[in-house]
Amino acid sequence: MSNTDKIIRLKTVLARTGLSRSTMYRKIAEGTFPSQVKISVHGAGWRESAVNRWIDDPVAYRNECAPL
């Protein structure tokens, strides 16, 4: 993670992408949306750079860790 990369929370991700919560989690399971990053015991967020990559080209986005 770069020094300028921020972790953004669920509300911000949903607002930026226009996705519903259920659609976003389905896309995470499919590997077509960035996965969450654990930031505490009960908290998680997304790397802003990964979300921005998805926003730039949602059709071509593929999570590197996702099964084929």
PDB file of N, CA and C in Angstrom:
ATOM      1  N   MET A   1       0.850  -1.181   0.000  1.00  0.00           N
ATOM      2  CA  MET A   1       0.000   0.000   0.000  1.00  0.00           C
ATOM      3  C   MET A   1       0.890   1.237   0.000  1.00  0.00           C
ATOM      4  N   SER A   2       0.608   2.157  -0.870  1.00  0.00           N
ATOM      5  CA  SER A   2       1.431   3.359  -0.960  1.00  0.00           C
ATOM      6  C   SER A   2       1.114   4.304   0.183  1.00  0.00           C
ATOM      7  N   ASN A   3       1.971   5.295   0.378  1.00  0.00           N
ATOM      8  CA  ASN A   3       1.783   6.263   1.458  1.00  0.00           C
ATOM      9  C   ASN A   3       0.527   7.106   1.263  1.00  0.00           C
ATOM     10  N   THR A   4       0.108   7.325   0.029  1.00  0.00           N
ATOM     11  CA  THR A   4      -1.041   8.186  -0.228  1.00  0.00           C
ATOM     12  C   THR A   4      -2.344   7.393  -0.352  1.00  0.00           C
ATOM     13  N   ASP A   5      -2.270   6.066  -0.309  1.00  0.00           N
ATOM     14  CA  ASP A   5      -3.464   5.239  -0.419  1.00  0.00           C
ATOM     15  C   ASP A   5      -4.222   5.269   0.903  1.00  0.00           C
ATOM     16  N   LYS A   6      -5.506   5.561   0.820  1.00  0.00           N
ATOM     17  CA  LYS A   6      -6.339   5.611   2.016  1.00  0.00           C
ATOM     18  C   LYS A   6      -7.249   4.394   2.064  1.00  0.00           C
ATOM     19  N   ILE A   7      -7.695   4.072   3.262  1.00  0.00           N
ATOM     20  CA  ILE A   7      -8.707   3.040   3.444  1.00  0.00           C
ATOM     21  C   ILE A   7     -10.044   3.773   3.560  1.00  0.00           C
ATOM     22  N   ILE A   8     -11.006   3.360   2.729  1.00  0.00           N
ATOM     23  CA  ILE A   8     -12.322   3.994   2.771  1.00  0.00           C
ATOM     24  C   ILE A   8     -13.349   2.977   3.261  1.00  0.00           C
ATOM     25  N   ARG A   9     -14.372   3.473   3.913  1.00  0.00           N
ATOM     26  CA  ARG A   9     -15.371   2.612   4.541  1.00  0.00           C
ATOM     27  C   ARG A   9     -16.543   2.353   3.603  1.00  0.00           C
ATOM     28  N   LEU A  10     -17.432   1.465   4.027  1.00  0.00           N
ATOM     29  CA  LEU A  10     -18.538   0.973   3.219  1.00  0.00           C
ATOM     30  C   LEU A  10     -19.403   2.084   2.630  1.00  0.00           C
ATOM     31  N   LYS A  11     -19.833   3.041   3.443  1.00  0.00           N
ATOM     32  CA  LYS A  11     -20.700   4.126   2.946  1.00  0.00           C
ATOM     33  C   LYS A  11     -20.056   4.874   1.788  1.00  0.00           C
ATOM     34  N   THR A  12     -18.779   5.139   1.910  1.00  0.00           N
ATOM     35  CA  THR A  12     -18.058   5.867   0.875  1.00  0.00           C
ATOM     36  C   THR A  12     -17.945   5.042  -0.395  1.00  0.00           C
ATOM     37  N   VAL A  13     -17.654   3.745  -0.248  1.00  0.00           N
ATOM     38  CA  VAL A  13     -17.537   2.861  -1.412  1.00  0.00           C
ATOM     39  C   VAL A  13     -18.872   2.794  -2.149  1.00  0.00           C
ATOM     40  N   LEU A  14     -19.953   2.606  -1.419  1.00  0.00           N
ATOM     41  CA  LEU A  14     -21.275   2.522  -2.044  1.00  0.00           C
ATOM     42  C   LEU A  14     -21.643   3.829  -2.741  1.00  0.00           C
ATOM     43  N   ALA A  15     -21.326   4.957  -2.111  1.00  0.00           N
ATOM     44  CA  ALA A  15     -21.632   6.258  -2.716  1.00  0.00           C
ATOM     45  C   ALA A  15     -20.828   6.474  -3.994  1.00  0.00           C
ATOM     46  N   ARG A  16     -19.563   6.099  -3.993  1.00  0.00           N
ATOM     47  CA  ARG A  16     -18.707   6.311  -5.166  1.00  0.00           C
ATOM     48  C   ARG A  16     -19.062   5.396  -6.326  1.00  0.00           C
ATOM     49  N   THR A  17     -19.443   4.164  -6.015  1.00  0.00           N
ATOM     50  CA  THR A  17     -19.678   3.187  -7.078  1.00  0.00           C
ATOM     51  C   THR A  17     -21.107   3.161  -7.571  1.00  0.00           C
ATOM     52  N   GLY A  18     -22.048   3.535  -6.724  1.00  0.00           N
ATOM     53  CA  GLY A  18     -23.459   3.452  -7.091  1.00  0.00           C
ATOM     54  C   GLY A  18     -24.024   2.045  -6.969  1.00  0.00           C
ATOM     55  N   LEU A  19     -23.243   1.128  -6.432  1.00  0.00           N
ATOM     56  CA  LEU A  19     -23.697  -0.252  -6.247  1.00  0.00           C
ATOM     57  C   LEU A  19     -24.512  -0.375  -4.967  1.00  0.00           C
ATOM     58  N   SER A  20     -25.391  -1.370  -4.926  1.00  0.00           N
ATOM     59  CA  SER A  20     -26.057  -1.694  -3.672  1.00  0.00           C
ATOM     60  C   SER A  20     -25.096  -2.563  -2.858  1.00  0.00           C
ATOM     61  N   ARG A  21     -25.359  -2.652  -1.583  1.00  0.00           N
ATOM     62  CA  ARG A  21     -24.511  -3.443  -0.701  1.00  0.00           C
ATOM     63  C   ARG A  21     -24.474  -4.907  -1.151  1.00  0.00           C
ATOM     64  N   SER A  22     -25.629  -5.476  -1.462  1.00  0.00           N
ATOM     65  CA  SER A  22     -25.677  -6.892  -1.854  1.00  0.00           C
ATOM     66  C   SER A  22     -24.953  -7.133  -3.179  1.00  0.00           C
ATOM     67  N   THR A  23     -25.098  -6.217  -4.124  1.00  0.00           N
ATOM     68  CA  THR A  23     -24.403  -6.354  -5.408  1.00  0.00           C
ATOM     69  C   THR A  23     -22.898  -6.272  -5.210  1.00  0.00           C
ATOM     70  N   MET A  24     -22.458  -5.363  -4.368  1.00  0.00           N
ATOM     71  CA  MET A  24     -21.031  -5.213  -4.122  1.00  0.00           C
ATOM     72  C   MET A  24     -20.454  -6.488  -3.522  1.00  0.00           C
ATOM     73  N   TYR A  25     -21.114  -7.062  -2.521  1.00  0.00           N
ATOM     74  CA  TYR A  25     -20.606  -8.284  -1.897  1.00  0.00           C
ATOM     75  C   TYR A  25     -20.667  -9.474  -2.853  1.00  0.00           C
ATOM     76  N   ARG A  26     -21.649  -9.510  -3.741  1.00  0.00           N
ATOM     77  CA  ARG A  26     -21.709 -10.567  -4.752  1.00  0.00           C
ATOM     78  C   ARG A  26     -20.515 -10.439  -5.691  1.00  0.00           C
ATOM     79  N   LYS A  27     -20.208  -9.212  -6.101  1.00  0.00           N
ATOM     80  CA  LYS A  27     -19.071  -8.979  -6.991  1.00  0.00           C
ATOM     81  C   LYS A  27     -17.750  -9.329  -6.303  1.00  0.00           C
ATOM     82  N   ILE A  28     -17.638  -9.077  -5.006  1.00  0.00           N
ATOM     83  CA  ILE A  28     -16.431  -9.469  -4.266  1.00  0.00           C
ATOM     84  C   ILE A  28     -16.276 -10.985  -4.324  1.00  0.00           C
ATOM     85  N   ALA A  29     -17.372 -11.714  -4.098  1.00  0.00           N
ATOM     86  CA  ALA A  29     -17.338 -13.179  -4.130  1.00  0.00           C
ATOM     87  C   ALA A  29     -16.966 -13.694  -5.517  1.00  0.00           C
ATOM     88  N   GLU A  30     -17.397 -12.991  -6.557  1.00  0.00           N
ATOM     89  CA  GLU A  30     -17.082 -13.382  -7.938  1.00  0.00           C
ATOM     90  C   GLU A  30     -15.659 -12.989  -8.331  1.00  0.00           C
ATOM     91  N   GLY A  31     -15.050 -12.087  -7.562  1.00  0.00           N
ATOM     92  CA  GLY A  31     -13.712 -11.608  -7.894  1.00  0.00           C
ATOM     93  C   GLY A  31     -13.718 -10.436  -8.854  1.00  0.00           C
ATOM     94  N   THR A  32     -14.870  -9.792  -9.013  1.00  0.00           N
ATOM     95  CA  THR A  32     -14.965  -8.673  -9.951  1.00  0.00           C
ATOM     96  C   THR A  32     -15.081  -7.327  -9.228  1.00  0.00           C
ATOM     97  N   PHE A  33     -14.745  -7.298  -7.955  1.00  0.00           N
ATOM     98  CA  PHE A  33     -14.710  -6.059  -7.174  1.00  0.00           C
ATOM     99  C   PHE A  33     -13.630  -6.241  -6.113  1.00  0.00           C
ATOM    100  N   PRO A  34     -12.938  -5.168  -5.733  1.00  0.00           N
ATOM    101  CA  PRO A  34     -11.861  -5.283  -4.741  1.00  0.00           C
ATOM    102  C   PRO A  34     -12.358  -5.855  -3.415  1.00  0.00           C
ATOM    103  N   SER A  35     -11.523  -6.686  -2.802  1.00  0.00           N
ATOM    104  CA  SER A  35     -11.832  -7.265  -1.501  1.00  0.00           C
ATOM    105  C   SER A  35     -11.576  -6.262  -0.386  1.00  0.00           C
ATOM    106  N   GLN A  36     -12.177  -6.542   0.739  1.00  0.00           N
ATOM    107  CA  GLN A  36     -11.995  -5.706   1.916  1.00  0.00           C
ATOM    108  C   GLN A  36     -10.620  -5.935   2.532  1.00  0.00           C
ATOM    109  N   VAL A  37     -10.197  -4.944   3.303  1.00  0.00           N
ATOM    110  CA  VAL A  37      -8.967  -5.025   4.070  1.00  0.00           C
ATOM    111  C   VAL A  37      -9.363  -4.906   5.534  1.00  0.00           C
ATOM    112  N   LYS A  38      -8.943  -5.856   6.343  1.00  0.00           N
ATOM    113  CA  LYS A  38      -9.257  -5.819   7.777  1.00  0.00           C
ATOM    114  C   LYS A  38      -8.451  -4.700   8.425  1.00  0.00           C
ATOM    115  N   ILE A  39      -9.133  -3.795   9.147  1.00  0.00           N
ATOM    116  CA  ILE A  39      -8.422  -2.688   9.789  1.00  0.00           C
ATOM    117  C   ILE A  39      -8.503  -2.758  11.316  1.00  0.00           C
ATOM    118  N   SER A  40      -9.385  -3.609  11.842  1.00  0.00           N
ATOM    119  CA  SER A  40      -9.474  -3.852  13.272  1.00  0.00           C
ATOM    120  C   SER A  40     -10.253  -5.145  13.484  1.00  0.00           C
ATOM    121  N   VAL A  41     -10.503  -5.492  14.729  1.00  0.00           N
ATOM    122  CA  VAL A  41     -11.224  -6.724  15.024  1.00  0.00           C
ATOM    123  C   VAL A  41     -12.609  -6.715  14.390  1.00  0.00           C
ATOM    124  N   HIS A  42     -13.294  -5.590  14.461  1.00  0.00           N
ATOM    125  CA  HIS A  42     -14.660  -5.493  13.941  1.00  0.00           C
ATOM    126  C   HIS A  42     -14.793  -4.540  12.765  1.00  0.00           C
ATOM    127  N   GLY A  43     -13.699  -4.100  12.207  1.00  0.00           N
ATOM    128  CA  GLY A  43     -13.772  -3.120  11.128  1.00  0.00           C
ATOM    129  C   GLY A  43     -13.022  -3.546   9.882  1.00  0.00           C
ATOM    130  N   ALA A  44     -13.548  -3.100   8.763  1.00  0.00           N
ATOM    131  CA  ALA A  44     -12.897  -3.372   7.481  1.00  0.00           C
ATOM    132  C   ALA A  44     -13.139  -2.194   6.553  1.00  0.00           C
ATOM    133  N   GLY A  45     -12.311  -2.093   5.548  1.00  0.00           N
ATOM    134  CA  GLY A  45     -12.460  -1.024   4.565  1.00  0.00           C
ATOM    135  C   GLY A  45     -11.877  -1.493   3.248  1.00  0.00           C
ATOM    136  N   TRP A  46     -11.823  -0.594   2.314  1.00  0.00           N
ATOM    137  CA  TRP A  46     -11.291  -0.896   0.982  1.00  0.00           C
ATOM    138  C   TRP A  46     -10.171   0.070   0.669  1.00  0.00           C
ATOM    139  N   ARG A  47      -9.170  -0.410  -0.060  1.00  0.00           N
ATOM    140  CA  ARG A  47      -8.118   0.491  -0.523  1.00  0.00           C
ATOM    141  C   ARG A  47      -8.719   1.410  -1.574  1.00  0.00           C
ATOM    142  N   GLU A  48      -8.540   2.694  -1.380  1.00  0.00           N
ATOM    143  CA  GLU A  48      -9.092   3.688  -2.300  1.00  0.00           C
ATOM    144  C   GLU A  48      -8.575   3.470  -3.713  1.00  0.00           C
ATOM    145  N   SER A  49      -7.304   3.110  -3.859  1.00  0.00           N
ATOM    146  CA  SER A  49      -6.728   2.905  -5.190  1.00  0.00           C
ATOM    147  C   SER A  49      -7.412   1.743  -5.910  1.00  0.00           C
ATOM    148  N   ALA A  50      -7.740   0.668  -5.198  1.00  0.00           N
ATOM    149  CA  ALA A  50      -8.408  -0.478  -5.807  1.00  0.00           C
ATOM    150  C   ALA A  50      -9.820  -0.113  -6.252  1.00  0.00           C
ATOM    151  N   VAL A  51     -10.531   0.638  -5.422  1.00  0.00           N
ATOM    152  CA  VAL A  51     -11.881   1.077  -5.785  1.00  0.00           C
ATOM    153  C   VAL A  51     -11.815   2.009  -6.991  1.00  0.00           C
ATOM    154  N   ASN A  52     -10.826   2.894  -7.015  1.00  0.00           N
ATOM    155  CA  ASN A  52     -10.675   3.805  -8.156  1.00  0.00           C
ATOM    156  C   ASN A  52     -10.366   3.043  -9.446  1.00  0.00           C
ATOM    157  N   ARG A  53      -9.553   1.967  -9.354  1.00  0.00           N
ATOM    158  CA  ARG A  53      -9.284   1.138 -10.534  1.00  0.00           C
ATOM    159  C   ARG A  53     -10.574   0.506 -11.037  1.00  0.00           C
ATOM    160  N   TRP A  54     -11.415   0.035 -10.114  1.00  0.00           N
ATOM    161  CA  TRP A  54     -12.691  -0.562 -10.506  1.00  0.00           C
ATOM    162  C   TRP A  54     -13.591   0.492 -11.157  1.00  0.00           C
ATOM    163  N   ILE A  55     -13.645   1.686 -10.599  1.00  0.00           N
ATOM    164  CA  ILE A  55     -14.469   2.765 -11.151  1.00  0.00           C
ATOM    165  C   ILE A  55     -13.994   3.117 -12.561  1.00  0.00           C
ATOM    166  N   ASP A  56     -12.678   3.142 -12.776  1.00  0.00           N
ATOM    167  CA  ASP A  56     -12.131   3.474 -14.092  1.00  0.00           C
ATOM    168  C   ASP A  56     -12.530   2.469 -15.164  1.00  0.00           C
ATOM    169  N   ASP A  57     -12.599   1.189 -14.810  1.00  0.00           N
ATOM    170  CA  ASP A  57     -12.940   0.155 -15.797  1.00  0.00           C
ATOM    171  C   ASP A  57     -13.579  -1.049 -15.105  1.00  0.00           C
ATOM    172  N   PRO A  58     -14.851  -0.952 -14.734  1.00  0.00           N
ATOM    173  CA  PRO A  58     -15.499  -2.032 -13.979  1.00  0.00           C
ATOM    174  C   PRO A  58     -15.615  -3.348 -14.755  1.00  0.00           C
ATOM    175  N   VAL A  59     -15.750  -3.283 -16.052  1.00  0.00           N
ATOM    176  CA  VAL A  59     -15.909  -4.509 -16.853  1.00  0.00           C
ATOM    177  C   VAL A  59     -14.616  -5.315 -16.878  1.00  0.00           C
ATOM    178  N   ALA A  60     -13.492  -4.642 -16.968  1.00  0.00           N
ATOM    179  CA  ALA A  60     -12.204  -5.322 -17.086  1.00  0.00           C
ATOM    180  C   ALA A  60     -11.577  -5.662 -15.735  1.00  0.00           C
ATOM    181  N   TYR A  61     -12.134  -5.147 -14.630  1.00  0.00           N
ATOM    182  CA  TYR A  61     -11.523  -5.374 -13.320  1.00  0.00           C
ATOM    183  C   TYR A  61     -11.593  -6.851 -12.953  1.00  0.00           C
ATOM    184  N   ARG A  62     -10.498  -7.372 -12.491  1.00  0.00           N
ATOM    185  CA  ARG A  62     -10.456  -8.738 -11.992  1.00  0.00           C
ATOM    186  C   ARG A  62      -9.544  -8.756 -10.795  1.00  0.00           C
ATOM    187  N   ASN A  63     -10.024  -9.253  -9.669  1.00  0.00           N
ATOM    188  CA  ASN A  63      -9.235  -9.319  -8.457  1.00  0.00           C
ATOM    189  C   ASN A  63      -8.133 -10.363  -8.635  1.00  0.00           C
ATOM    190  N   GLU A  64      -6.893 -10.016  -8.355  1.00  0.00           N
ATOM    191  CA  GLU A  64      -5.763 -10.911  -8.549  1.00  0.00           C
ATOM    192  C   GLU A  64      -5.857 -12.154  -7.673  1.00  0.00           C
ATOM    193  N   CYS A  65      -6.534 -12.074  -6.539  1.00  0.00           N
ATOM    194  CA  CYS A  65      -6.619 -13.195  -5.601  1.00  0.00           C
ATOM    195  C   CYS A  65      -7.858 -14.063  -5.853  1.00  0.00           C
ATOM    196  N   ALA A  66      -8.699 -13.684  -6.767  1.00  0.00           N
ATOM    197  CA  ALA A  66      -9.948 -14.407  -6.993  1.00  0.00           C
ATOM    198  C   ALA A  66      -9.708 -15.704  -7.749  1.00  0.00           C
ATOM    199  N   PRO A  67     -10.480 -16.738  -7.404  1.00  0.00           N
ATOM    200  CA  PRO A  67     -10.363 -17.988  -8.161  1.00  0.00           C
ATOM    201  C   PRO A  67     -10.906 -17.833  -9.562  1.00  0.00           C
ATOM    202  N   LEU A  68     -10.362 -18.552 -10.513  1.00  0.00           N
ATOM    203  CA  LEU A  68     -10.814 -18.465 -11.906  1.00  0.00           C
ATOM    204  C   LEU A  68     -11.982 -19.354 -12.170  1.00  0.00           C
TER     205      LEU A  68
END
